[in-house]
Amino acid sequence: MLCVELCLPVARNIFGCDLFKEFRPVDREIVPPNKPYDWASCYLCGKELRGAGKTGKIKNRNNPSFWGIKSEWKILCLQCLGRKYYQSMSKGKQRTFNKYVGRGYV
């Protein structure tokens, strides 16, 4: 995908102002760094999540890329993942997700 800053001026010259009227950049608020040490928080609901050990990194189950999901949010709880992205997961990832929910990691 090409960069918006480079393509938008060229597209305006070619198509006129119609493309500029349809394109509205989304302003997202900057998410502050997660909690210190071994805590993190879900970017959608704000639920506090336990980090992985002393490193403070998030656990794989809270990382959308672990589930094969491309998302702008980097840390999500299993409730938000299941509610928003369950249908877009592969069948194997859905089974793994159900195992995690069955273990009570939600």
N, C-alpha and C. Protein backbone atom coordinates (compact mmCIF):
# COMPACT_ATOMS: atom_id res chain seq x y z
N MET A 1 0.84 -1.17 0.00
CA MET A 1 0.00 0.00 0.00
C MET A 1 0.89 1.24 0.00
N LEU A 2 0.53 2.18 -0.81
CA LEU A 2 1.34 3.38 -0.95
C LEU A 2 1.03 4.38 0.16
N CYS A 3 1.95 5.23 0.39
CA CYS A 3 1.84 6.22 1.45
C CYS A 3 0.80 7.28 1.08
N VAL A 4 -0.03 7.63 2.03
CA VAL A 4 -1.10 8.60 1.79
C VAL A 4 -0.53 9.98 1.49
N GLU A 5 0.55 10.32 2.17
CA GLU A 5 1.14 11.65 1.96
C GLU A 5 1.65 11.83 0.54
N LEU A 6 2.11 10.74 -0.08
CA LEU A 6 2.63 10.83 -1.44
C LEU A 6 1.52 10.74 -2.48
N CYS A 7 0.56 9.87 -2.25
CA CYS A 7 -0.46 9.59 -3.26
C CYS A 7 -1.58 10.63 -3.28
N LEU A 8 -1.92 11.19 -2.15
CA LEU A 8 -3.05 12.10 -2.08
C LEU A 8 -2.88 13.34 -2.95
N PRO A 9 -1.72 14.02 -2.94
CA PRO A 9 -1.58 15.19 -3.82
C PRO A 9 -1.66 14.82 -5.30
N VAL A 10 -1.10 13.67 -5.67
CA VAL A 10 -1.17 13.24 -7.07
C VAL A 10 -2.61 12.92 -7.45
N ALA A 11 -3.33 12.26 -6.55
CA ALA A 11 -4.72 11.91 -6.84
C ALA A 11 -5.59 13.16 -6.94
N ARG A 12 -5.29 14.17 -6.15
CA ARG A 12 -6.05 15.42 -6.25
C ARG A 12 -5.85 16.07 -7.62
N ASN A 13 -4.63 16.01 -8.14
CA ASN A 13 -4.36 16.58 -9.46
C ASN A 13 -5.09 15.81 -10.55
N ILE A 14 -5.18 14.49 -10.39
CA ILE A 14 -5.81 13.67 -11.43
C ILE A 14 -7.33 13.74 -11.34
N PHE A 15 -7.88 13.52 -10.15
CA PHE A 15 -9.33 13.41 -9.99
C PHE A 15 -10.00 14.69 -9.54
N GLY A 16 -9.29 15.70 -9.23
CA GLY A 16 -9.89 16.92 -8.72
C GLY A 16 -10.11 16.80 -7.22
N CYS A 17 -11.05 17.53 -6.71
CA CYS A 17 -11.27 17.57 -5.26
C CYS A 17 -12.23 16.49 -4.78
N ASP A 18 -12.84 15.69 -5.67
CA ASP A 18 -13.81 14.69 -5.24
C ASP A 18 -13.19 13.67 -4.31
N LEU A 19 -12.00 13.21 -4.64
CA LEU A 19 -11.33 12.22 -3.80
C LEU A 19 -10.99 12.81 -2.43
N PHE A 20 -10.59 14.04 -2.41
CA PHE A 20 -10.25 14.68 -1.14
C PHE A 20 -11.48 14.81 -0.25
N LYS A 21 -12.65 15.05 -0.82
CA LYS A 21 -13.86 15.17 -0.01
C LYS A 21 -14.25 13.83 0.58
N GLU A 22 -14.04 12.72 -0.17
CA GLU A 22 -14.40 11.40 0.33
C GLU A 22 -13.41 10.90 1.37
N PHE A 23 -12.14 11.26 1.24
CA PHE A 23 -11.11 10.79 2.15
C PHE A 23 -11.08 11.67 3.39
N ARG A 24 -11.39 11.07 4.52
CA ARG A 24 -11.32 11.79 5.78
C ARG A 24 -10.37 11.03 6.70
N PRO A 25 -9.22 11.61 6.97
CA PRO A 25 -8.28 10.90 7.85
C PRO A 25 -8.87 10.74 9.25
N VAL A 26 -8.62 9.58 9.82
CA VAL A 26 -9.13 9.27 11.15
C VAL A 26 -8.11 9.72 12.18
N ASP A 27 -8.54 10.56 13.09
CA ASP A 27 -7.66 11.00 14.17
C ASP A 27 -7.85 10.09 15.36
N ARG A 28 -6.82 9.33 15.67
CA ARG A 28 -6.86 8.44 16.83
C ARG A 28 -6.09 9.11 17.95
N GLU A 29 -6.60 8.97 19.15
CA GLU A 29 -5.86 9.53 20.26
C GLU A 29 -4.66 8.62 20.54
N ILE A 30 -3.59 9.21 20.92
CA ILE A 30 -2.37 8.47 21.16
C ILE A 30 -2.53 7.69 22.45
N VAL A 31 -2.28 6.39 22.35
CA VAL A 31 -2.42 5.54 23.53
C VAL A 31 -1.14 5.64 24.34
N PRO A 32 -1.25 6.00 25.61
CA PRO A 32 -0.04 6.11 26.42
C PRO A 32 0.59 4.73 26.62
N PRO A 33 1.86 4.70 26.96
CA PRO A 33 2.50 3.41 27.20
C PRO A 33 1.75 2.66 28.30
N ASN A 34 1.84 1.35 28.21
CA ASN A 34 1.11 0.53 29.17
C ASN A 34 1.69 0.67 30.57
N LYS A 35 1.01 0.07 31.47
CA LYS A 35 1.35 0.17 32.89
C LYS A 35 2.79 -0.30 33.13
N PRO A 36 3.39 0.15 34.22
CA PRO A 36 4.77 -0.26 34.51
C PRO A 36 4.86 -1.74 34.89
N TYR A 37 6.03 -2.28 34.68
CA TYR A 37 6.44 -3.63 35.05
C TYR A 37 5.61 -4.71 34.38
N ASP A 38 4.73 -5.40 35.05
CA ASP A 38 4.11 -6.57 34.44
C ASP A 38 2.61 -6.40 34.24
N TRP A 39 2.13 -5.19 34.09
CA TRP A 39 0.71 -4.96 33.82
C TRP A 39 0.53 -4.27 32.48
N ALA A 40 -0.57 -4.57 31.82
CA ALA A 40 -0.92 -3.92 30.56
C ALA A 40 -2.42 -3.66 30.63
N SER A 41 -2.94 -2.93 29.66
CA SER A 41 -4.37 -2.71 29.62
C SER A 41 -4.88 -2.87 28.20
N CYS A 42 -6.10 -3.36 28.07
CA CYS A 42 -6.73 -3.56 26.77
C CYS A 42 -7.00 -2.20 26.13
N TYR A 43 -6.71 -2.08 24.84
CA TYR A 43 -6.88 -0.80 24.16
C TYR A 43 -8.34 -0.47 23.89
N LEU A 44 -9.23 -1.47 23.87
CA LEU A 44 -10.65 -1.19 23.60
C LEU A 44 -11.45 -0.93 24.87
N CYS A 45 -11.34 -1.84 25.84
CA CYS A 45 -12.19 -1.71 27.02
C CYS A 45 -11.44 -1.18 28.24
N GLY A 46 -10.11 -1.15 28.21
CA GLY A 46 -9.34 -0.64 29.33
C GLY A 46 -9.13 -1.63 30.46
N LYS A 47 -9.51 -2.88 30.27
CA LYS A 47 -9.36 -3.89 31.31
C LYS A 47 -7.87 -4.15 31.56
N GLU A 48 -7.48 -4.26 32.83
CA GLU A 48 -6.09 -4.51 33.16
C GLU A 48 -5.76 -5.97 32.91
N LEU A 49 -4.62 -6.20 32.26
CA LEU A 49 -4.18 -7.54 31.90
C LEU A 49 -2.83 -7.82 32.53
N ARG A 50 -2.61 -9.06 32.83
CA ARG A 50 -1.34 -9.48 33.42
C ARG A 50 -0.32 -9.65 32.30
N GLY A 51 0.87 -9.11 32.48
CA GLY A 51 1.95 -9.26 31.51
C GLY A 51 2.65 -10.60 31.67
N ALA A 52 3.60 -10.88 30.80
CA ALA A 52 4.32 -12.15 30.81
C ALA A 52 5.59 -12.02 31.65
N GLY A 53 5.51 -12.45 32.88
CA GLY A 53 6.69 -12.53 33.73
C GLY A 53 7.31 -11.18 34.06
N LYS A 54 8.61 -11.21 34.30
CA LYS A 54 9.30 -10.00 34.72
C LYS A 54 9.57 -9.03 33.59
N THR A 55 9.48 -9.50 32.35
CA THR A 55 9.78 -8.62 31.22
C THR A 55 8.70 -7.58 31.01
N GLY A 56 7.48 -7.87 31.42
CA GLY A 56 6.38 -6.92 31.26
C GLY A 56 5.78 -6.92 29.87
N LYS A 57 6.27 -7.80 28.99
CA LYS A 57 5.69 -7.88 27.66
C LYS A 57 4.31 -8.52 27.76
N ILE A 58 3.48 -8.23 26.78
CA ILE A 58 2.14 -8.82 26.82
C ILE A 58 2.23 -10.30 26.45
N LYS A 59 1.28 -11.05 26.92
CA LYS A 59 1.23 -12.47 26.59
C LYS A 59 0.70 -12.62 25.17
N ASN A 60 1.06 -13.71 24.53
CA ASN A 60 0.64 -13.93 23.15
C ASN A 60 -0.87 -13.91 22.99
N ARG A 61 -1.58 -14.42 23.98
CA ARG A 61 -3.03 -14.47 23.84
C ARG A 61 -3.66 -13.09 23.80
N ASN A 62 -2.96 -12.06 24.24
CA ASN A 62 -3.48 -10.70 24.18
C ASN A 62 -2.96 -9.92 22.98
N ASN A 63 -2.22 -10.57 22.12
CA ASN A 63 -1.65 -9.94 20.93
C ASN A 63 -2.48 -10.36 19.71
N PRO A 64 -3.14 -9.42 19.02
CA PRO A 64 -3.98 -9.79 17.88
C PRO A 64 -3.21 -10.49 16.77
N SER A 65 -1.93 -10.19 16.59
CA SER A 65 -1.18 -10.85 15.52
C SER A 65 -0.97 -12.34 15.82
N PHE A 66 -1.00 -12.74 17.08
CA PHE A 66 -0.93 -14.15 17.44
C PHE A 66 -2.12 -14.92 16.88
N TRP A 67 -3.26 -14.27 16.82
CA TRP A 67 -4.48 -14.89 16.32
C TRP A 67 -4.64 -14.72 14.81
N GLY A 68 -3.67 -14.12 14.15
CA GLY A 68 -3.75 -13.93 12.70
C GLY A 68 -4.61 -12.75 12.30
N ILE A 69 -4.72 -11.78 13.17
CA ILE A 69 -5.58 -10.62 12.94
C ILE A 69 -4.70 -9.39 12.74
N LYS A 70 -4.99 -8.63 11.71
CA LYS A 70 -4.29 -7.37 11.51
C LYS A 70 -5.16 -6.28 12.12
N SER A 71 -4.66 -5.65 13.15
CA SER A 71 -5.42 -4.67 13.89
C SER A 71 -4.52 -3.50 14.26
N GLU A 72 -5.11 -2.32 14.35
CA GLU A 72 -4.32 -1.17 14.78
C GLU A 72 -4.09 -1.19 16.28
N TRP A 73 -4.88 -1.96 17.01
CA TRP A 73 -4.69 -2.10 18.45
C TRP A 73 -3.74 -3.24 18.71
N LYS A 74 -2.78 -3.04 19.58
CA LYS A 74 -1.73 -4.04 19.81
C LYS A 74 -1.98 -4.92 21.02
N ILE A 75 -2.85 -4.49 21.92
CA ILE A 75 -3.15 -5.28 23.12
C ILE A 75 -4.66 -5.33 23.28
N LEU A 76 -5.22 -6.53 23.25
CA LEU A 76 -6.67 -6.70 23.41
C LEU A 76 -6.93 -7.86 24.37
N CYS A 77 -7.95 -7.72 25.21
CA CYS A 77 -8.33 -8.83 26.08
C CYS A 77 -9.08 -9.86 25.23
N LEU A 78 -9.24 -11.05 25.78
CA LEU A 78 -9.89 -12.11 25.01
C LEU A 78 -11.36 -11.82 24.75
N GLN A 79 -12.02 -11.09 25.64
CA GLN A 79 -13.42 -10.72 25.39
C GLN A 79 -13.54 -9.84 24.16
N CYS A 80 -12.69 -8.84 24.05
CA CYS A 80 -12.73 -7.94 22.89
C CYS A 80 -12.33 -8.68 21.62
N LEU A 81 -11.33 -9.54 21.72
CA LEU A 81 -10.92 -10.33 20.56
C LEU A 81 -12.06 -11.20 20.07
N GLY A 82 -12.71 -11.91 20.99
CA GLY A 82 -13.80 -12.79 20.61
C GLY A 82 -15.00 -12.04 20.06
N ARG A 83 -15.32 -10.92 20.66
CA ARG A 83 -16.48 -10.15 20.24
C ARG A 83 -16.27 -9.53 18.86
N LYS A 84 -15.06 -9.06 18.61
CA LYS A 84 -14.82 -8.29 17.40
C LYS A 84 -14.23 -9.10 16.24
N TYR A 85 -13.36 -10.09 16.54
CA TYR A 85 -12.57 -10.73 15.49
C TYR A 85 -12.75 -12.25 15.41
N TYR A 86 -13.67 -12.85 16.14
CA TYR A 86 -13.77 -14.31 16.16
C TYR A 86 -14.03 -14.88 14.77
N GLN A 87 -14.91 -14.26 14.01
CA GLN A 87 -15.25 -14.79 12.69
C GLN A 87 -14.11 -14.68 11.69
N SER A 88 -13.18 -13.75 11.89
CA SER A 88 -12.07 -13.59 10.96
C SER A 88 -10.89 -14.50 11.29
N MET A 89 -10.96 -15.24 12.40
CA MET A 89 -9.89 -16.18 12.75
C MET A 89 -10.04 -17.46 11.93
N SER A 90 -8.92 -18.15 11.71
CA SER A 90 -8.99 -19.44 11.04
C SER A 90 -9.62 -20.46 12.00
N LYS A 91 -10.01 -21.61 11.48
CA LYS A 91 -10.67 -22.62 12.32
C LYS A 91 -9.75 -23.10 13.44
N GLY A 92 -8.46 -23.28 13.13
CA GLY A 92 -7.52 -23.72 14.16
C GLY A 92 -7.37 -22.69 15.27
N LYS A 93 -7.31 -21.42 14.90
CA LYS A 93 -7.20 -20.35 15.90
C LYS A 93 -8.49 -20.23 16.70
N GLN A 94 -9.63 -20.50 16.07
CA GLN A 94 -10.90 -20.47 16.81
C GLN A 94 -10.92 -21.57 17.87
N ARG A 95 -10.40 -22.76 17.53
CA ARG A 95 -10.33 -23.84 18.52
C ARG A 95 -9.40 -23.46 19.67
N THR A 96 -8.25 -22.90 19.33
CA THR A 96 -7.31 -22.46 20.37
C THR A 96 -7.94 -21.38 21.24
N PHE A 97 -8.66 -20.45 20.61
CA PHE A 97 -9.34 -19.40 21.36
C PHE A 97 -10.35 -20.00 22.33
N ASN A 98 -11.13 -20.99 21.87
CA ASN A 98 -12.10 -21.63 22.75
C ASN A 98 -11.43 -22.36 23.91
N LYS A 99 -10.25 -22.95 23.68
CA LYS A 99 -9.51 -23.58 24.77
C LYS A 99 -9.10 -22.54 25.81
N TYR A 100 -8.61 -21.38 25.35
CA TYR A 100 -8.19 -20.32 26.27
C TYR A 100 -9.37 -19.81 27.08
N VAL A 101 -10.52 -19.65 26.42
CA VAL A 101 -11.71 -19.20 27.13
C VAL A 101 -12.16 -20.25 28.13
N GLY A 102 -12.07 -21.54 27.75
CA GLY A 102 -12.44 -22.62 28.64
C GLY A 102 -11.55 -22.71 29.88
N ARG A 103 -10.31 -22.31 29.74
CA ARG A 103 -9.38 -22.29 30.88
C ARG A 103 -9.61 -21.12 31.82
N GLY A 104 -10.41 -20.17 31.36
CA GLY A 104 -10.73 -19.03 32.22
C GLY A 104 -9.80 -17.86 32.08
N TYR A 105 -9.13 -17.74 30.93
CA TYR A 105 -8.21 -16.63 30.72
C TYR A 105 -8.92 -15.33 30.34
N VAL A 106 -10.22 -15.36 30.18
CA VAL A 106 -10.96 -14.16 29.82
C VAL A 106 -11.00 -13.28 31.01
